Protein backbone atom coordinates (compact mmCIF):
# COMPACT_ATOMS: atom_id res chain seq x y z
CA MET A 1 14.82 -27.03 -12.45
CA HIS A 2 17.53 -24.49 -11.61
CA VAL A 3 17.60 -21.43 -13.88
CA ILE A 4 20.28 -18.75 -13.87
CA VAL A 5 19.02 -15.37 -15.09
CA LEU A 6 21.77 -13.06 -16.31
CA GLY A 7 20.74 -9.46 -15.68
CA ALA A 8 18.68 -7.90 -12.89
CA GLY A 9 16.90 -5.13 -14.75
CA LEU A 10 13.21 -5.17 -15.61
CA ALA A 11 13.61 -8.09 -18.02
CA GLY A 12 15.66 -10.21 -15.64
CA VAL A 13 13.67 -9.58 -12.46
CA THR A 14 10.27 -10.13 -14.08
CA ALA A 15 11.65 -13.33 -15.65
CA CYS A 16 12.79 -14.42 -12.19
CA TRP A 17 9.31 -13.73 -10.80
CA TYR A 18 7.41 -15.77 -13.38
CA LEU A 19 9.95 -18.61 -13.36
CA GLN A 20 9.61 -18.88 -9.58
CA ARG A 21 5.84 -18.98 -9.98
CA ASP A 22 6.35 -22.05 -12.14
CA GLY A 23 8.29 -23.70 -9.33
CA HIS A 24 11.81 -23.23 -10.65
CA ARG A 25 14.79 -22.42 -8.47
CA VAL A 26 16.30 -19.16 -9.75
CA THR A 27 19.64 -17.44 -9.36
CA LEU A 28 19.80 -13.80 -10.47
CA VAL A 29 23.22 -12.45 -11.52
CA ASP A 30 24.08 -8.78 -12.07
CA ARG A 31 27.22 -6.65 -12.05
CA GLN A 32 25.51 -3.85 -10.11
CA ALA A 33 24.98 -3.71 -6.34
CA GLY A 34 21.21 -4.05 -6.72
CA SER A 35 18.41 -4.60 -9.18
CA GLY A 36 17.28 -2.09 -11.79
CA LEU A 37 20.32 0.19 -11.58
CA GLU A 38 21.09 0.55 -15.29
CA THR A 39 18.60 1.02 -18.14
CA SER A 40 15.64 0.45 -15.79
CA PHE A 41 16.81 3.13 -13.35
CA ALA A 42 15.45 6.42 -14.69
CA ASN A 43 13.55 5.73 -17.88
CA GLY A 44 10.52 7.71 -19.06
CA GLY A 45 8.16 5.82 -16.77
CA GLN A 46 5.45 5.25 -19.39
CA LEU A 47 3.58 2.00 -19.93
CA SER A 48 2.71 3.12 -23.43
CA VAL A 49 0.54 0.41 -24.95
CA SER A 50 -0.83 3.03 -27.36
CA HIS A 51 2.56 3.54 -29.00
CA PRO A 52 3.33 0.23 -30.74
CA GLU A 53 4.70 1.90 -33.89
CA PRO A 54 8.43 1.16 -34.18
CA TRP A 55 11.07 3.79 -34.80
CA ALA A 56 11.69 1.97 -38.08
CA ASN A 57 8.83 3.06 -40.33
CA PRO A 58 8.50 4.45 -43.87
CA HIS A 59 8.83 8.05 -42.63
CA ALA A 60 11.99 7.46 -40.56
CA PRO A 61 14.74 7.73 -43.24
CA LEU A 62 13.60 11.18 -44.39
CA GLN A 63 13.18 12.36 -40.78
CA ILE A 64 16.70 11.23 -39.93
CA LEU A 65 18.08 13.14 -42.93
CA ARG A 66 16.25 16.28 -41.77
CA TRP A 67 17.72 15.90 -38.29
CA LEU A 68 21.32 15.55 -39.48
CA GLY A 69 23.51 18.19 -37.89
CA ARG A 70 21.06 18.94 -35.08
CA GLU A 71 22.57 18.18 -31.70
CA ASP A 72 19.08 18.06 -30.15
CA ALA A 73 17.62 15.73 -32.83
CA PRO A 74 15.17 13.16 -31.44
CA LEU A 75 17.07 10.39 -33.27
CA LYS A 76 20.78 10.95 -33.82
CA PHE A 77 23.21 8.65 -35.59
CA ARG A 78 26.85 9.18 -34.65
CA PRO A 79 28.92 7.15 -37.14
CA ARG A 80 31.64 5.03 -35.55
CA ALA A 81 34.23 2.56 -36.79
CA ASP A 82 31.93 -0.17 -35.53
CA LEU A 83 30.70 -2.87 -37.89
CA ALA A 84 27.86 -3.79 -35.52
CA GLN A 85 26.53 -0.22 -35.70
CA TRP A 86 26.50 -0.18 -39.51
CA LEU A 87 24.93 -3.63 -39.79
CA TRP A 88 22.26 -2.54 -37.31
CA GLY A 89 21.64 0.62 -39.33
CA LEU A 90 21.19 -1.33 -42.56
CA ALA A 91 18.77 -3.72 -40.84
CA PHE A 92 16.89 -0.68 -39.49
CA LEU A 93 16.43 0.66 -43.02
CA ARG A 94 15.05 -2.71 -44.14
CA GLU A 95 12.50 -2.62 -41.31
CA CYS A 96 11.28 0.74 -42.62
CA LEU A 97 9.56 -1.03 -45.52
CA PRO A 98 5.76 -0.66 -45.20
CA GLY A 99 5.00 -4.37 -44.96
CA ARG A 100 7.60 -5.00 -42.29
CA THR A 101 6.45 -1.94 -40.34
CA ARG A 102 2.85 -3.20 -40.35
CA ALA A 103 3.88 -6.65 -39.12
CA ASN A 104 6.15 -5.21 -36.42
CA THR A 105 3.47 -2.79 -35.21
CA GLU A 106 0.88 -5.55 -34.89
CA ALA A 107 3.27 -7.85 -33.02
CA ILE A 108 4.28 -5.11 -30.57
CA ALA A 109 0.65 -4.07 -30.04
CA ASN A 110 -0.31 -7.66 -29.17
CA LEU A 111 2.55 -8.07 -26.72
CA ALA A 112 2.01 -4.64 -25.15
CA GLN A 113 -1.68 -5.29 -24.43
CA TYR A 114 -0.87 -8.71 -23.01
CA SER A 115 1.90 -7.19 -20.90
CA ILE A 116 -0.25 -4.51 -19.26
CA THR A 117 -2.75 -7.21 -18.33
CA GLN A 118 0.01 -9.26 -16.71
CA LEU A 119 1.31 -6.21 -14.83
CA ARG A 120 -2.13 -5.45 -13.44
CA SER A 121 -2.52 -9.04 -12.27
CA LEU A 122 0.89 -8.93 -10.62
CA ARG A 123 0.05 -5.61 -8.94
CA ALA A 124 -3.28 -6.92 -7.66
CA GLU A 125 -1.64 -10.07 -6.32
CA THR A 126 1.33 -8.45 -4.60
CA GLY A 127 0.10 -4.95 -3.73
CA ILE A 128 3.47 -3.68 -4.96
CA VAL A 129 3.78 0.14 -4.85
CA TYR A 130 5.90 2.01 -7.41
CA ASP A 131 4.33 5.49 -7.86
CA ALA A 132 1.90 4.08 -10.40
CA THR A 133 -0.54 6.40 -12.19
CA THR A 134 -3.47 4.97 -14.13
CA ARG A 135 -4.77 8.14 -15.80
CA GLY A 136 -3.73 7.26 -19.34
CA ILE A 137 -1.38 9.01 -21.76
CA LEU A 138 -2.02 12.16 -23.80
CA HIS A 139 -0.10 12.24 -27.09
CA LEU A 140 0.30 15.92 -27.98
CA PHE A 141 0.53 17.35 -31.50
CA PHE A 142 1.84 20.84 -32.18
CA ASP A 143 1.40 20.69 -35.93
CA GLN A 144 -2.04 20.73 -37.57
CA LYS A 145 -0.94 18.37 -40.34
CA GLU A 146 0.40 15.82 -37.85
CA PHE A 147 -2.78 16.08 -35.79
CA ALA A 148 -4.91 15.49 -38.90
CA GLU A 149 -2.78 12.44 -39.76
CA SER A 150 -3.29 11.07 -36.25
CA GLN A 151 -6.84 10.09 -37.26
CA ALA A 152 -5.41 7.18 -39.25
CA ARG A 153 -3.27 6.25 -36.30
CA ALA A 154 -6.29 6.30 -33.99
CA GLN A 155 -8.17 4.04 -36.36
CA LYS A 156 -5.26 1.59 -36.42
CA LEU A 157 -5.05 1.52 -32.63
CA ARG A 158 -8.80 0.88 -32.39
CA SER A 159 -8.37 -2.04 -34.80
CA PHE A 160 -6.05 -3.56 -32.18
CA GLY A 161 -8.80 -3.19 -29.57
CA MET A 162 -7.37 -0.10 -27.86
CA ARG A 163 -9.48 2.76 -26.55
CA VAL A 164 -8.31 6.10 -27.93
CA GLU A 165 -9.88 9.53 -28.28
CA LEU A 166 -8.93 12.31 -30.69
CA CYS A 167 -9.05 15.58 -28.75
CA PRO A 168 -9.03 19.20 -29.84
CA ALA A 169 -6.84 21.45 -27.73
CA ASP A 170 -9.59 22.43 -25.28
CA ARG A 171 -10.47 18.79 -24.62
CA ALA A 172 -6.79 17.97 -24.01
CA ILE A 173 -6.61 20.80 -21.48
CA ALA A 174 -9.71 19.48 -19.76
CA ILE A 175 -8.01 16.10 -19.37
CA GLU A 176 -4.75 17.67 -18.16
CA PRO A 177 -5.36 21.22 -16.81
CA ALA A 178 -1.61 21.90 -16.52
CA LEU A 179 -1.59 22.24 -20.32
CA ALA A 180 -3.41 25.57 -19.95
CA ARG A 181 0.03 27.08 -19.18
CA CYS A 182 1.61 25.63 -22.34
CA THR A 183 3.43 28.31 -24.37
CA ALA A 184 3.64 26.22 -27.56
CA PRO A 185 0.61 26.24 -29.94
CA LEU A 186 -1.22 22.97 -29.24
CA ALA A 187 -3.05 21.57 -32.29
CA GLY A 188 -4.69 18.64 -30.53
CA ALA A 189 -4.05 15.31 -28.86
CA LEU A 190 -4.71 11.61 -28.93
CA TYR A 191 -5.78 10.28 -25.52
CA ALA A 192 -5.25 6.65 -24.52
CA PRO A 193 -7.08 6.31 -21.18
CA ASP A 194 -5.95 2.73 -20.48
CA ASP A 195 -2.22 3.49 -20.52
CA GLU A 196 -0.27 3.91 -17.29
CA SER A 197 2.99 5.19 -15.87
CA GLY A 198 5.16 4.42 -12.89
CA ASP A 199 8.69 4.24 -11.53
CA ALA A 200 10.35 1.28 -13.25
CA HIS A 201 13.26 1.25 -10.82
CA LEU A 202 11.01 1.13 -7.75
CA PHE A 203 9.02 -1.67 -9.37
CA THR A 204 12.14 -3.66 -10.23
CA ALA A 205 13.77 -3.23 -6.82
CA ARG A 206 10.63 -4.15 -4.89
CA LEU A 207 9.78 -7.12 -7.10
CA SER A 208 13.38 -8.28 -6.75
CA ALA A 209 13.02 -8.17 -2.97
CA ARG A 210 9.90 -10.34 -3.23
CA CYS A 211 11.76 -12.80 -5.42
CA GLN A 212 14.51 -13.01 -2.83
CA GLN A 213 11.97 -13.57 -0.07
CA ALA A 214 10.53 -16.42 -2.15
CA GLY A 215 13.95 -18.09 -2.34
CA ALA A 216 15.74 -16.57 -5.33
CA GLN A 217 19.52 -16.38 -4.87
CA MET A 218 20.91 -12.94 -5.64
CA ARG A 219 24.47 -12.71 -6.95
CA MET A 220 25.01 -8.95 -7.09
CA ASN A 221 28.31 -7.14 -7.78
CA THR A 222 29.04 -10.13 -9.99
CA GLN A 223 30.48 -9.77 -13.47
CA VAL A 224 29.78 -12.49 -16.04
CA THR A 225 33.11 -12.99 -17.80
CA ALA A 226 32.46 -15.95 -20.09
CA ILE A 227 30.07 -18.66 -21.21
CA LYS A 228 31.48 -22.19 -21.12
CA MET A 229 30.22 -24.56 -23.82
CA GLN A 230 30.30 -28.35 -24.00
CA ASN A 231 28.55 -30.55 -26.58
CA ASP A 232 26.73 -27.49 -28.00
CA ARG A 233 25.20 -26.71 -24.60
CA ILE A 234 26.12 -24.25 -21.87
CA SER A 235 28.05 -26.12 -19.21
CA GLY A 236 28.44 -23.10 -16.94
CA ILE A 237 29.13 -19.39 -16.73
CA GLU A 238 32.34 -17.90 -15.44
CA ILE A 239 31.90 -15.03 -13.01
CA GLU A 240 34.06 -12.61 -11.06
CA HIS A 241 33.02 -11.29 -7.65
CA GLN A 242 35.23 -9.04 -5.52
CA GLY A 243 38.37 -10.26 -7.25
CA SER A 244 37.62 -13.97 -7.00
CA ARG A 245 36.54 -16.15 -9.93
CA ASP A 246 34.01 -18.96 -9.94
CA THR A 247 31.80 -21.00 -12.28
CA LEU A 248 28.03 -21.19 -11.82
CA THR A 249 26.03 -24.06 -13.27
CA ALA A 250 22.31 -24.60 -13.82
CA ASP A 251 19.86 -26.55 -15.94
CA ALA A 252 18.94 -23.51 -18.02
CA TYR A 253 20.15 -19.96 -18.56
CA VAL A 254 18.27 -16.76 -19.46
CA LEU A 255 20.17 -13.95 -21.17
CA ALA A 256 18.62 -10.64 -20.07
CA LEU A 257 21.64 -8.34 -20.15
CA GLY A 258 20.06 -5.56 -22.19
CA SER A 259 22.47 -3.84 -24.55
CA HIS A 260 25.28 -6.15 -23.45
CA SER A 261 23.42 -9.31 -24.48
CA ALA A 262 24.87 -9.49 -27.98
CA LYS A 263 28.48 -9.56 -26.76
CA LEU A 264 27.90 -12.52 -24.46
CA ALA A 265 25.63 -14.34 -26.92
CA ARG A 266 28.48 -14.48 -29.43
CA GLN A 267 30.34 -16.79 -27.05
CA ALA A 268 27.48 -19.25 -27.46
CA GLY A 269 27.60 -18.91 -31.25
CA LEU A 270 24.56 -16.62 -31.51
CA ARG A 271 24.40 -13.37 -33.44
CA LEU A 272 21.82 -11.03 -31.92
CA MET A 273 20.88 -7.80 -33.66
CA VAL A 274 20.85 -5.84 -30.38
CA TYR A 275 22.57 -2.46 -30.28
CA PRO A 276 22.62 0.23 -27.57
CA VAL A 277 20.44 3.27 -28.24
CA LYS A 278 21.23 5.99 -25.76
CA GLY A 279 18.43 7.94 -24.13
CA TYR A 280 18.27 10.78 -21.63
CA SER A 281 16.02 11.73 -18.78
CA VAL A 282 15.60 14.66 -16.43
CA THR A 283 13.99 14.27 -13.01
CA LEU A 284 12.97 17.19 -10.81
CA PRO A 285 10.77 17.83 -7.78
CA ALA A 286 7.24 18.54 -9.04
CA ASN A 287 4.81 21.20 -7.87
CA ASP A 288 1.12 21.91 -8.48
CA ASN A 289 1.84 23.14 -12.03
CA ALA A 290 3.20 19.73 -13.09
CA PRO A 291 0.97 17.34 -15.05
CA GLN A 292 -0.82 14.45 -13.40
CA VAL A 293 -1.57 12.65 -16.68
CA SER A 294 1.39 11.14 -18.52
CA ILE A 295 2.30 13.09 -21.65
CA THR A 296 4.02 12.34 -24.95
CA ASP A 297 5.21 15.25 -27.07
CA GLU A 298 4.96 13.65 -30.52
CA SER A 299 6.91 16.42 -32.23
CA ARG A 300 10.05 15.93 -30.13
CA ARG A 301 9.63 12.30 -28.98
CA ILE A 302 9.71 13.44 -25.34
CA VAL A 303 7.61 11.90 -22.56
CA PHE A 304 6.49 13.25 -19.18
CA SER A 305 5.53 11.08 -16.21
CA ARG A 306 4.42 12.16 -12.76
CA LEU A 307 6.10 9.83 -10.27
CA GLY A 308 4.74 10.77 -6.88
CA ASN A 309 6.28 14.13 -6.01
CA ARG A 310 8.71 14.00 -8.96
CA LEU A 311 8.39 14.81 -12.65
CA ARG A 312 10.33 12.61 -15.06
CA ILE A 313 11.00 13.95 -18.59
CA ALA A 314 12.73 11.60 -21.01
CA GLY A 315 13.47 11.11 -24.66
CA THR A 316 15.82 11.14 -27.63
CA ALA A 317 17.63 8.21 -29.19
CA GLU A 318 21.31 8.26 -30.03
CA LEU A 319 23.35 5.55 -31.72
CA ASN A 320 26.80 6.12 -30.28
CA GLY A 321 28.04 2.73 -29.15
CA TYR A 322 28.35 2.10 -25.42
CA ASP A 323 29.19 5.72 -24.59
CA MET A 324 27.63 6.68 -21.24
CA GLN A 325 28.72 10.30 -20.98
CA ILE A 326 25.92 12.82 -20.54
CA ASN A 327 25.74 15.22 -23.45
CA ARG A 328 24.59 18.42 -21.76
CA ALA A 329 23.19 19.89 -24.97
CA ARG A 330 20.84 16.93 -25.48
CA ALA A 331 19.80 16.74 -21.83
CA GLU A 332 19.19 20.48 -21.59
CA ALA A 333 17.17 20.42 -24.83
CA ILE A 334 14.77 18.01 -23.12
CA LEU A 335 14.47 20.32 -20.13
CA HIS A 336 14.00 23.41 -22.32
CA ARG A 337 11.15 21.74 -24.19
CA ALA A 338 9.57 20.69 -20.91
CA LEU A 339 9.52 24.32 -19.78
CA GLU A 340 7.74 25.34 -22.99
CA ILE A 341 4.93 22.89 -22.34
CA PHE A 342 4.81 23.07 -18.54
CA PRO A 343 6.36 26.34 -17.29
CA ASP A 344 7.19 26.39 -13.58
CA ALA A 345 6.35 22.69 -13.18
CA GLY A 346 9.12 22.00 -10.71
CA ALA A 347 12.43 22.94 -9.12
CA ILE A 348 14.63 23.40 -12.18
CA ASP A 349 17.73 24.06 -10.07
CA GLU A 350 17.34 20.57 -8.59
CA ALA A 351 17.04 18.78 -11.94
CA GLN A 352 18.95 15.51 -12.17
CA PHE A 353 20.23 14.39 -15.57
CA TRP A 354 20.61 10.71 -16.43
CA THR A 355 21.44 8.60 -19.45
CA GLY A 356 20.92 4.93 -20.20
CA LEU A 357 21.40 2.45 -23.03
CA ARG A 358 18.25 0.89 -24.43
CA PRO A 359 18.78 -2.58 -25.95
CA ALA A 360 17.31 -1.94 -29.38
CA VAL A 361 16.47 -4.35 -32.20
CA PRO A 362 15.89 -2.77 -35.65
CA SER A 363 12.34 -4.14 -35.77
CA ASN A 364 11.56 -3.15 -32.13
CA ARG A 365 10.50 -6.78 -31.58
CA PRO A 366 12.42 -8.23 -28.63
CA TYR A 367 14.11 -11.61 -28.56
CA ILE A 368 12.00 -13.86 -26.33
CA GLY A 369 12.36 -17.59 -25.87
CA PRO A 370 14.57 -20.51 -26.91
CA THR A 371 17.70 -20.54 -29.04
CA ARG A 372 19.48 -23.27 -30.96
CA VAL A 373 21.57 -23.74 -27.81
CA PRO A 374 19.16 -26.10 -26.00
CA ASN A 375 19.56 -24.67 -22.49
CA LEU A 376 19.88 -20.96 -23.39
CA PHE A 377 16.87 -18.64 -23.54
CA LEU A 378 16.59 -14.95 -24.41
CA ASN A 379 14.71 -12.01 -22.92
CA THR A 380 16.33 -8.95 -24.41
CA GLY A 381 16.05 -6.26 -27.08
CA HIS A 382 12.96 -4.48 -25.72
CA GLY A 383 14.26 -1.08 -26.85
CA THR A 384 12.21 1.98 -25.89
CA LEU A 385 9.33 -0.23 -24.66
CA GLY A 386 11.18 -2.15 -21.97
CA TRP A 387 8.83 -1.05 -19.16
CA THR A 388 5.76 -1.56 -21.34
CA LEU A 389 6.68 -5.08 -22.50
CA ALA A 390 8.47 -6.43 -19.43
CA CYS A 391 5.75 -8.45 -17.72
CA GLY A 392 4.25 -9.85 -20.91
CA ALA A 393 7.63 -10.85 -22.34
CA SER A 394 8.71 -12.55 -19.12
CA ARG A 395 5.42 -14.38 -18.67
CA ALA A 396 5.69 -15.63 -22.27
CA LEU A 397 9.30 -16.65 -21.64
CA ALA A 398 8.29 -18.72 -18.61
CA ASP A 399 5.61 -20.42 -20.71
CA LEU A 400 8.11 -21.26 -23.44
CA ILE A 401 10.61 -22.66 -20.94
CA ALA A 402 7.83 -24.82 -19.50
CA GLY A 403 6.83 -26.05 -22.97
CA ARG A 404 3.52 -24.16 -22.95
CA ASN A 405 2.15 -21.99 -25.71
CA PRO A 406 2.15 -18.33 -24.60
CA GLN A 407 -1.29 -16.72 -24.53
CA VAL A 408 -0.29 -13.93 -26.91
CA ILE A 409 0.12 -13.77 -30.68
CA PHE A 410 3.77 -12.88 -31.22
CA PRO A 411 6.52 -14.25 -33.53
CA PHE A 412 8.56 -16.27 -31.00
CA THR A 413 11.28 -17.29 -33.44
CA GLN A 414 14.29 -19.38 -32.44
CA VAL A 415 17.66 -17.68 -32.94
């Protein structure tokens, strides 16, 4: 059948790939000039299977209170006259309950492990190159208490079937020698050798090109203006391209518009709990003092990924609506912390700041699959794990559209 996929980021392009593999004819629609130019453009680069714990957990409310007033806080809530923001915040607090956190963590862990397997299969099949690094991720702890508590976390990850190693500081430095120059007191680390990293934008753009070569129609620079409904089904989508308006029709539609999904879904009578969570990244030319292994600074929620001859540092979460202005204080705080851990790792004067809106769901569990609108499907709400979950979510989506049971244990609930 003919499927229109709305959104050409990681979620949309991987959905296009797997739908084409099932023999469907696919049209990809995006307002940008090319694929992967918004949230997928300059994210942290980590495929962090070993970090399934959601932001919403029993410790989060107290942490947020401690961070109030700090402009460089890892998670910052900027109150707005926005009902959607407050409803999202209340739902977030509910997901902090221990039982819900456990269920969410297990679901995300299952999907993340499935997703990395799908990515590796795709990579082996296509030979696609995207500055991938398969040296694992080192989670760093700069507080002895937090490092001691990481033993329970390691045990939980092992219960999911993940390989992890608790490392004293000297072992962490042996894994990543660039840490020998760290000026902050390193307590220890948790090493996940099966994790990966890579340039999500390169991956998305190159996979999109392969989809086009396989027959996908690309409607770029095209704004989706409305969903048209008839008899409780989508009868078409109204678009605008270079000043002219048109209506596109298909047998099925996939909503993969990231943080903008909720706005459009309302036109189909669906209420999605997706809200933009703003993140920052800094990219600079790397030198020999930059790390080769991907790094997560657990104290500041900052990640480091070596992408070829570049170093990407990313982090923070800010609830501030759809604001896309770069807050210099938050971006420079990321860079300052990077220099504490990896002094002289790259050309600081050539640093490029970027910000993007992650499509976050309070539970961290994305919306994947069918809706009560028979010909509308969802692939959105991946939050901070968009790169990690992309291939698994899209493969599962293709299975659900085909009427197959996905080969992963995950709560695919109809909205």
